[in-house]
């Protein structure tokens, strides 16, 4: 059975099986006629075409919407499907995805169908899902529970909130999620205050990062982030399209570990993408984000953690998200647009010169970005740490991040001030 592909509530194409664990995307004739050939529709890597896309091109986009690692394995196990079968998985959970896209079996009504009462979460259900590790994800008596596509390996929820401080509901094809909720998982101690602190420092330093707060839900601290790929509020929220750098550049998230594709895209591809869509000025912002990640010790600078917002006349660099220090745990994750050669090492001018060559930017410009970010982050660290104490979300991990980031900000600042 094929899947209908919707964008902004309108059917734009079909996703259909093309062999074992393979599938292909094809646009509808109406959508093809609406745009000139080559116009980006669903993705920069999937422009308007009258031919179905290859399995590789289709998978790069769809797999970029789906969970990874043990979260994917657990979800697939409860659904009774092969974890490697992305087609079967998107058929089950594709009603609410990142961006403006939804996937529905062809016999199901689309997003314009009559609205129904939201599926509100009860206290027991919420407690079951935010207490690590959750005993189960799905519930056969709650058909809307966990039926959303959210990428990454970390356990998290995509939920609807009618108004600030109000109750939570499950999203559906006609009810877009409004927030992403990340409880503690137990894998990394105090990851919730870690992400809250790092994201707030980035915002304090002037970077466009997602609005984030810490809320206690069913007795558990959770990072709660407003979705930047939504417009409007509460039950009137509308989907707003986006795609990650990996999707835009057709980098498959399930690439072989250690391959260039698994580690990328790097500065060359990412900066080239921004220039190709007419966002050359955003190269400076992207480099500022890379230096911020370095100083805070966030080694997960993969293209899945950078995105474009798709607007009516092109695309824009999206706010930054998933900012947390991995180096504070001694975690050697070090991939994507990283600054130093090793997660535990300081950055040097030679490495900056290499980045300049990859990104095709002037060295003096890069040096000024690094100096500016070092000064701003260095000033923001104590300010945000004090705020954490005043607002009641301080945790000991913050002291470790402040120490690490202060040393890196000072060292980088010294390296580029000559």
Protein backbone atom coordinates (compact mmCIF):
# COMPACT_ATOMS: atom_id res chain seq x y z
CA UNK A 1 0.00 0.00 0.00
CA UNK A 2 1.32 3.47 -0.91
CA UNK A 3 1.49 6.45 1.42
CA UNK A 4 0.07 9.86 0.59
CA UNK A 5 2.55 12.68 1.24
CA UNK A 6 1.10 15.97 2.48
CA UNK A 7 2.81 19.33 2.76
CA UNK A 8 0.98 22.15 4.54
CA UNK A 9 -2.12 19.96 4.46
CA UNK A 10 -2.12 19.48 0.66
CA UNK A 11 -1.33 16.17 -0.98
CA UNK A 12 1.88 16.65 -2.98
CA UNK A 13 3.05 13.14 -3.72
CA UNK A 14 3.25 9.45 -3.03
CA UNK A 15 5.74 7.29 -1.18
CA UNK A 16 5.63 3.74 -2.48
CA UNK A 17 7.52 0.47 -1.84
CA UNK A 18 10.40 -0.31 -4.21
CA UNK A 19 11.82 -3.58 -2.90
CA UNK A 20 12.88 -4.90 0.48
CA UNK A 21 13.28 -2.00 2.92
CA UNK A 22 13.35 0.43 -0.01
CA UNK A 23 10.85 3.02 -1.16
CA UNK A 24 10.58 5.93 -3.57
CA UNK A 25 9.00 9.36 -3.63
CA UNK A 26 7.04 10.72 -6.60
CA UNK A 27 5.29 14.10 -6.86
CA UNK A 28 1.72 14.36 -8.10
CA UNK A 29 1.12 15.73 -11.63
CA UNK A 30 -0.69 18.72 -10.08
CA UNK A 31 2.34 19.60 -7.97
CA UNK A 32 4.70 19.16 -10.91
CA UNK A 33 2.57 21.48 -13.03
CA UNK A 34 2.52 24.10 -10.28
CA UNK A 35 6.31 24.53 -10.15
CA UNK A 36 8.99 24.81 -12.79
CA UNK A 37 11.36 21.82 -12.91
CA UNK A 38 14.08 21.96 -10.27
CA UNK A 39 12.09 24.04 -7.75
CA UNK A 40 12.65 22.79 -4.19
CA UNK A 41 9.36 21.44 -2.87
CA UNK A 42 9.73 18.91 -0.07
CA UNK A 43 13.50 19.30 0.13
CA UNK A 44 16.44 21.01 -1.50
CA UNK A 45 17.51 17.49 -2.46
CA UNK A 46 14.05 16.59 -3.84
CA UNK A 47 13.15 19.37 -6.29
CA UNK A 48 10.11 19.24 -8.56
CA UNK A 49 10.47 16.43 -11.10
CA UNK A 50 8.16 14.33 -13.24
CA UNK A 51 10.22 11.21 -12.43
CA UNK A 52 10.14 9.22 -9.17
CA UNK A 53 13.20 9.74 -6.99
CA UNK A 54 15.70 6.97 -6.43
CA UNK A 55 15.55 4.86 -3.30
CA UNK A 56 18.74 6.54 -1.98
CA UNK A 57 17.40 10.07 -2.47
CA UNK A 58 14.02 9.20 -0.97
CA UNK A 59 15.57 7.44 2.02
CA UNK A 60 17.90 10.34 2.83
CA UNK A 61 14.91 12.59 3.44
CA UNK A 62 12.51 10.14 5.10
CA UNK A 63 15.11 8.48 7.33
CA UNK A 64 16.07 11.97 8.50
CA UNK A 65 12.61 12.24 10.10
CA UNK A 66 12.77 8.95 11.99
CA UNK A 67 14.17 7.98 15.40
CA UNK A 68 17.54 6.28 15.64
CA UNK A 69 19.34 3.77 17.82
CA UNK A 70 17.63 2.01 20.69
CA UNK A 71 14.65 4.39 20.56
CA UNK A 72 13.93 3.20 17.04
CA UNK A 73 14.52 -0.44 17.96
CA UNK A 74 12.14 -0.25 20.91
CA UNK A 75 9.44 1.53 18.95
CA UNK A 76 9.71 -0.89 16.02
CA UNK A 77 9.61 -3.84 18.41
CA UNK A 78 6.36 -2.63 19.97
CA UNK A 79 4.93 -2.09 16.49
CA UNK A 80 6.05 -5.56 15.39
CA UNK A 81 8.09 -4.33 12.43
CA UNK A 82 11.72 -4.57 11.33
CA UNK A 83 13.71 -1.62 12.78
CA UNK A 84 15.41 -1.25 9.39
CA UNK A 85 12.10 -0.83 7.58
CA UNK A 86 11.80 2.95 7.38
CA UNK A 87 8.77 2.70 5.11
CA UNK A 88 6.76 0.68 7.62
CA UNK A 89 7.88 2.99 10.42
CA UNK A 90 6.90 6.25 8.69
CA UNK A 91 3.56 4.65 7.80
CA UNK A 92 2.92 4.15 11.53
CA UNK A 93 4.25 7.40 13.00
CA UNK A 94 4.35 9.87 10.11
CA UNK A 95 1.24 11.87 11.02
CA UNK A 96 3.26 14.54 12.85
CA UNK A 97 6.82 15.11 11.60
CA UNK A 98 9.46 17.81 11.70
CA UNK A 99 8.39 20.54 9.28
CA UNK A 100 5.17 20.73 7.33
CA UNK A 101 5.09 17.16 6.03
CA UNK A 102 2.82 14.24 6.98
CA UNK A 103 2.62 10.68 5.68
CA UNK A 104 -0.69 8.80 5.64
CA UNK A 105 -1.88 5.46 4.27
CA UNK A 106 -3.83 6.19 1.11
CA UNK A 107 -7.13 5.06 2.65
CA UNK A 108 -6.91 7.55 5.57
CA UNK A 109 -8.44 11.06 5.47
CA UNK A 110 -5.94 13.88 5.09
CA UNK A 111 -5.14 16.86 7.35
CA UNK A 112 -8.23 18.75 6.16
CA UNK A 113 -10.58 16.18 7.71
CA UNK A 114 -13.02 17.18 10.43
CA UNK A 115 -11.24 18.05 13.70
CA UNK A 116 -11.76 15.86 16.74
CA UNK A 117 -11.27 16.22 20.48
CA UNK A 118 -7.55 16.28 21.35
CA UNK A 119 -6.15 13.14 22.98
CA UNK A 120 -5.15 14.66 26.31
CA UNK A 121 -2.44 12.96 28.39
CA UNK A 122 -3.42 11.85 31.86
CA UNK A 123 -1.03 12.09 34.83
CA UNK A 124 -0.36 8.32 34.86
CA UNK A 125 0.40 8.24 31.14
CA UNK A 126 2.74 11.22 31.40
CA UNK A 127 4.53 9.72 34.38
CA UNK A 128 5.03 6.44 32.52
CA UNK A 129 6.69 8.24 29.60
CA UNK A 130 8.96 10.68 31.43
CA UNK A 131 10.27 8.22 34.04
CA UNK A 132 13.50 6.66 32.73
CA UNK A 133 13.44 4.26 31.08
CA UNK A 134 9.78 4.11 29.99
CA UNK A 135 8.42 0.57 30.32
CA UNK A 136 6.56 0.95 27.03
CA UNK A 137 6.11 3.60 24.36
CA UNK A 138 2.84 2.59 22.72
CA UNK A 139 -0.57 1.68 24.13
CA UNK A 140 -3.06 -0.32 22.04
CA UNK A 141 -5.88 1.51 23.79
CA UNK A 142 -4.42 4.92 22.88
CA UNK A 143 -3.99 4.95 19.11
CA UNK A 144 -2.51 8.48 19.09
CA UNK A 145 0.12 7.80 21.75
CA UNK A 146 3.70 8.30 20.45
CA UNK A 147 2.49 8.54 16.82
CA UNK A 148 4.95 11.24 15.83
CA UNK A 149 8.25 11.15 13.93
CA UNK A 150 11.11 12.79 15.79
CA UNK A 151 14.73 12.16 14.82
CA UNK A 152 17.63 11.31 17.12
CA UNK A 153 18.58 8.65 19.65
CA UNK A 154 17.44 10.42 22.82
CA UNK A 155 14.02 9.63 24.28
CA UNK A 156 11.73 12.62 23.80
CA UNK A 157 8.10 13.53 23.23
CA UNK A 158 6.43 15.70 20.63
CA UNK A 159 3.34 17.17 22.28
CA UNK A 160 0.59 19.76 21.93
CA UNK A 161 -0.06 22.41 24.57
CA UNK A 162 -3.25 24.40 24.29
CA UNK A 163 -1.85 27.36 26.26
CA UNK A 164 1.08 28.25 28.50
CA UNK A 165 1.11 26.06 31.60
CA UNK A 166 -1.82 24.03 30.30
CA UNK A 167 -2.39 20.32 29.79
CA UNK A 168 -0.62 18.27 27.14
CA UNK A 169 -2.15 16.34 24.23
CA UNK A 170 -0.86 13.95 21.58
CA UNK A 171 -0.37 15.44 18.11
CA UNK A 172 -2.20 14.13 15.06
CA UNK A 173 -2.34 14.85 11.36
CA UNK A 174 -4.84 17.68 11.98
CA UNK A 175 -3.31 18.78 15.30
CA UNK A 176 0.40 19.73 14.99
CA UNK A 177 2.69 19.39 17.97
CA UNK A 178 3.76 22.65 19.60
CA UNK A 179 6.61 21.58 21.91
CA UNK A 180 9.36 18.99 22.25
CA UNK A 181 9.79 17.52 25.74
CA UNK A 182 13.03 15.80 26.78
CA UNK A 183 13.07 14.07 30.18
CA UNK A 184 16.18 12.83 31.93
CA UNK A 185 17.22 9.51 30.41
CA UNK A 186 19.77 8.32 32.96
CA UNK A 187 22.46 7.88 30.32
CA UNK A 188 24.14 11.20 31.11
CA UNK A 189 23.75 12.67 34.61
CA UNK A 190 21.85 15.96 34.75
CA UNK A 191 21.45 16.21 30.98
CA UNK A 192 18.33 18.35 31.39
CA UNK A 193 20.07 21.25 33.21
CA UNK A 194 23.06 20.72 30.92
CA UNK A 195 20.99 21.39 27.79
CA UNK A 196 19.06 24.19 29.45
CA UNK A 197 22.29 25.90 30.52
CA UNK A 198 24.09 25.53 27.18
CA UNK A 199 21.08 26.69 25.16
CA UNK A 200 20.54 29.67 27.46
CA UNK A 201 24.23 30.63 27.25
CA UNK A 202 24.00 30.55 23.46
CA UNK A 203 20.92 32.80 23.53
CA UNK A 204 22.55 35.13 26.07
CA UNK A 205 25.56 35.43 23.75
CA UNK A 206 23.30 36.50 20.88
CA UNK A 207 22.90 33.28 18.90
CA UNK A 208 19.44 32.42 17.54
CA UNK A 209 18.69 29.34 19.68
CA UNK A 210 15.31 27.78 20.42
CA UNK A 211 13.37 29.11 23.45
CA UNK A 212 13.82 26.53 26.19
CA UNK A 213 12.66 26.03 29.77
CA UNK A 214 12.80 23.37 32.48
CA UNK A 215 9.50 22.02 33.77
CA UNK A 216 8.78 19.34 36.33
CA UNK A 217 6.44 16.81 34.74
CA UNK A 218 5.14 13.90 36.84
CA UNK A 219 7.98 14.62 39.28
CA UNK A 220 10.68 14.52 36.60
CA UNK A 221 12.69 17.51 35.30
CA UNK A 222 12.28 17.96 31.54
CA UNK A 223 13.66 20.31 28.92
CA UNK A 224 10.69 21.87 27.12
CA UNK A 225 11.39 23.60 23.80
CA UNK A 226 8.99 25.51 21.60
CA UNK A 227 8.97 24.18 18.03
CA UNK A 228 10.40 26.69 15.57
CA UNK A 229 8.73 24.80 12.71
CA UNK A 230 5.27 25.87 13.82
CA UNK A 231 3.26 29.10 13.56
CA UNK A 232 0.31 30.22 15.65
CA UNK A 233 -0.46 29.06 19.17
CA UNK A 234 -2.07 26.13 20.94
CA UNK A 235 -4.77 24.24 19.13
CA UNK A 236 -4.61 26.75 16.26
CA UNK A 237 -0.95 25.98 15.50
CA UNK A 238 0.02 25.38 11.86
CA UNK A 239 2.96 23.44 10.49
CA UNK A 240 5.89 25.37 9.03
CA UNK A 241 8.27 23.46 6.80
CA UNK A 242 11.91 22.78 7.63
CA UNK A 243 14.62 20.30 6.81
CA UNK A 244 17.98 19.43 8.32
CA UNK A 245 21.26 20.03 6.52
CA UNK A 246 21.54 16.26 6.08
CA UNK A 247 18.18 16.12 4.33
CA UNK A 248 18.94 19.16 2.18
CA UNK A 249 22.28 17.65 1.10
CA UNK A 250 20.97 14.06 0.83
CA UNK A 251 23.16 12.69 3.63
CA UNK A 252 21.55 9.48 4.90
CA UNK A 253 21.50 9.23 8.72
CA UNK A 254 22.04 5.46 8.54
CA UNK A 255 25.34 5.79 6.68
CA UNK A 256 28.09 3.36 7.66
CA UNK A 257 29.82 4.40 10.89
CA UNK A 258 33.19 6.05 10.23
CA UNK A 259 32.39 6.98 6.64
CA UNK A 260 32.63 10.58 5.42
CA UNK A 261 28.85 10.63 5.01
CA UNK A 262 28.32 9.49 8.61
CA UNK A 263 30.56 12.27 9.94
CA UNK A 264 29.28 15.00 7.62
CA UNK A 265 28.29 17.32 6.26
CA UNK A 266 31.27 19.47 7.12
CA UNK A 267 31.99 23.16 6.72
CA UNK A 268 32.47 22.94 2.95
CA UNK A 269 29.10 21.32 2.25
CA UNK A 270 27.17 23.31 4.86
CA UNK A 271 28.52 26.72 3.87
CA UNK A 272 28.07 25.78 0.22
CA UNK A 273 24.42 24.95 0.93
CA UNK A 274 23.81 28.35 2.54
CA UNK A 275 25.38 30.14 -0.40
CA UNK A 276 23.40 28.05 -2.89
CA UNK A 277 20.09 29.09 -1.32
CA UNK A 278 21.09 32.76 -1.21
CA UNK A 279 21.95 32.83 2.50
CA UNK A 280 25.63 33.81 2.29
CA UNK A 281 25.30 36.15 5.27
CA UNK A 282 24.26 33.17 7.41
CA UNK A 283 27.70 31.59 6.98
CA UNK A 284 28.94 33.94 9.72
CA UNK A 285 26.10 32.83 12.04
CA UNK A 286 26.84 29.17 11.32
CA UNK A 287 30.52 29.64 12.16
CA UNK A 288 29.56 31.46 15.36
CA UNK A 289 27.44 28.44 16.29
CA UNK A 290 30.39 26.13 15.58
CA UNK A 291 32.67 28.13 17.88
CA UNK A 292 29.93 28.18 20.53
CA UNK A 293 29.64 24.39 20.34
CA UNK A 294 33.40 24.09 20.69
CA UNK A 295 33.59 26.34 23.74
CA UNK A 296 30.67 24.63 25.50
CA UNK A 297 32.03 21.19 24.62
CA UNK A 298 29.19 20.09 22.34
CA UNK A 299 30.85 17.55 20.05
CA UNK A 300 27.62 16.52 18.31
CA UNK A 301 27.77 19.12 15.53
CA UNK A 302 26.31 16.79 12.91
CA UNK A 303 24.15 18.11 10.07
CA UNK A 304 21.08 16.57 11.72
CA UNK A 305 21.42 19.28 14.36
CA UNK A 306 21.32 22.19 11.90
CA UNK A 307 18.26 23.05 9.83
CA UNK A 308 16.73 25.32 7.23
CA UNK A 309 13.31 26.93 7.53
CA UNK A 310 11.53 26.77 4.18
CA UNK A 311 9.70 30.00 3.30
CA UNK A 312 7.60 30.99 0.28
CA UNK A 313 10.54 32.45 -1.65
CA UNK A 314 13.43 30.28 -0.46
CA UNK A 315 15.00 29.08 2.77
CA UNK A 316 16.58 30.55 5.90
CA UNK A 317 18.97 29.24 8.53
CA UNK A 318 16.81 27.89 11.38
CA UNK A 319 17.37 28.59 15.09
CA UNK A 320 19.93 26.30 16.72
CA UNK A 321 18.84 23.38 18.90
CA UNK A 322 20.14 20.29 20.76
CA UNK A 323 22.95 22.27 22.38
CA UNK A 324 24.47 20.34 25.29
CA UNK A 325 28.00 19.71 26.53
CA UNK A 326 29.21 16.21 25.76
CA UNK A 327 32.83 16.92 26.71
CA UNK A 328 31.85 17.58 30.33
CA UNK A 329 31.11 13.84 30.58
CA UNK A 330 34.36 12.88 28.86
CA UNK A 331 32.25 11.63 25.94
CA UNK A 332 34.45 11.40 22.82
CA UNK A 333 31.64 12.18 20.37
CA UNK A 334 33.24 14.52 17.85
CA UNK A 335 31.50 14.76 14.49
CA UNK A 336 30.27 17.26 11.96
CA UNK A 337 31.29 20.91 12.04
CA UNK A 338 33.78 20.65 14.90
CA UNK A 339 36.60 23.12 15.54
CA UNK A 340 39.42 21.25 17.30
CA UNK A 341 40.92 18.01 16.01
CA UNK A 342 39.93 16.14 19.16
CA UNK A 343 37.04 16.63 21.59
CA UNK A 344 39.40 17.10 24.53
CA UNK A 345 41.94 19.42 22.86
CA UNK A 346 42.18 23.18 22.54
CA UNK A 347 41.74 24.81 19.13
CA UNK A 348 44.70 26.38 17.37
CA UNK A 349 45.19 28.85 14.51
CA UNK A 350 46.22 26.06 12.14
CA UNK A 351 42.82 24.43 12.62
CA UNK A 352 41.07 27.75 12.02
CA UNK A 353 43.01 28.13 8.80
CA UNK A 354 41.81 24.71 7.68
CA UNK A 355 38.20 25.68 8.47
CA UNK A 356 38.59 28.90 6.48
CA UNK A 357 39.76 26.89 3.48
CA UNK A 358 36.81 24.49 3.76
CA UNK A 359 34.24 27.24 4.30
CA UNK A 360 35.86 29.54 1.70
CA UNK A 361 35.99 32.53 4.02
CA UNK A 362 38.70 35.06 4.77
CA UNK A 363 40.95 34.11 7.70
CA UNK A 364 40.71 37.54 9.31
CA UNK A 365 36.92 37.33 9.19
CA UNK A 366 37.00 33.90 10.84
CA UNK A 367 39.42 35.17 13.48
CA UNK A 368 37.07 38.05 14.32
CA UNK A 369 34.13 35.65 14.65
CA UNK A 370 36.14 33.44 17.02
CA UNK A 371 37.26 36.40 19.13
CA UNK A 372 33.74 37.79 19.34
CA UNK A 373 32.19 34.45 20.29
CA UNK A 374 34.89 33.79 22.91
CA UNK A 375 34.22 37.11 24.59
CA UNK A 376 30.42 36.76 24.47
CA UNK A 377 30.34 33.18 25.75
CA UNK A 378 32.89 33.95 28.44
CA UNK A 379 30.69 36.78 29.72
CA UNK A 380 27.48 34.74 29.49
CA UNK A 381 28.67 31.75 31.52
CA UNK A 382 28.54 33.27 35.01
CA UNK A 383 25.45 35.33 34.16
CA UNK A 384 23.46 32.23 33.22
CA UNK A 385 24.89 30.15 36.08
CA UNK A 386 23.65 32.79 38.53
CA UNK A 387 20.27 32.82 36.79
CA UNK A 388 20.08 29.04 37.18
CA UNK A 389 20.55 29.41 40.92
CA UNK A 390 17.98 32.18 41.19
CA UNK A 391 15.39 30.31 39.10
CA UNK A 392 15.95 26.97 40.85
CA UNK A 393 17.30 24.80 38.02
CA UNK A 394 20.97 24.85 39.00
CA UNK A 395 22.77 21.46 39.09
CA UNK A 396 26.43 20.50 39.76
CA UNK A 397 27.00 19.67 36.07
CA UNK A 398 26.76 23.40 35.38
CA UNK A 399 29.93 24.01 37.41
CA UNK A 400 31.76 21.51 35.21
CA UNK A 401 30.54 23.20 32.04
CA UNK A 402 31.48 26.65 33.34
CA UNK A 403 35.01 25.47 34.16
CA UNK A 404 35.48 23.73 30.80
CA UNK A 405 33.92 26.53 28.75
CA UNK A 406 35.78 29.28 30.59
CA UNK A 407 39.11 27.58 29.83
CA UNK A 408 38.17 27.12 26.18
CA UNK A 409 36.85 30.66 25.78
CA UNK A 410 40.02 32.06 27.34
CA UNK A 411 42.28 29.79 25.30
CA UNK A 412 40.53 30.46 22.00
CA UNK A 413 40.42 34.18 22.70
CA UNK A 414 44.12 34.22 23.45
CA UNK A 415 44.88 32.19 20.31
CA UNK A 416 43.07 34.57 17.97
CA UNK A 417 44.13 37.87 19.60
CA UNK A 418 47.46 38.66 17.98
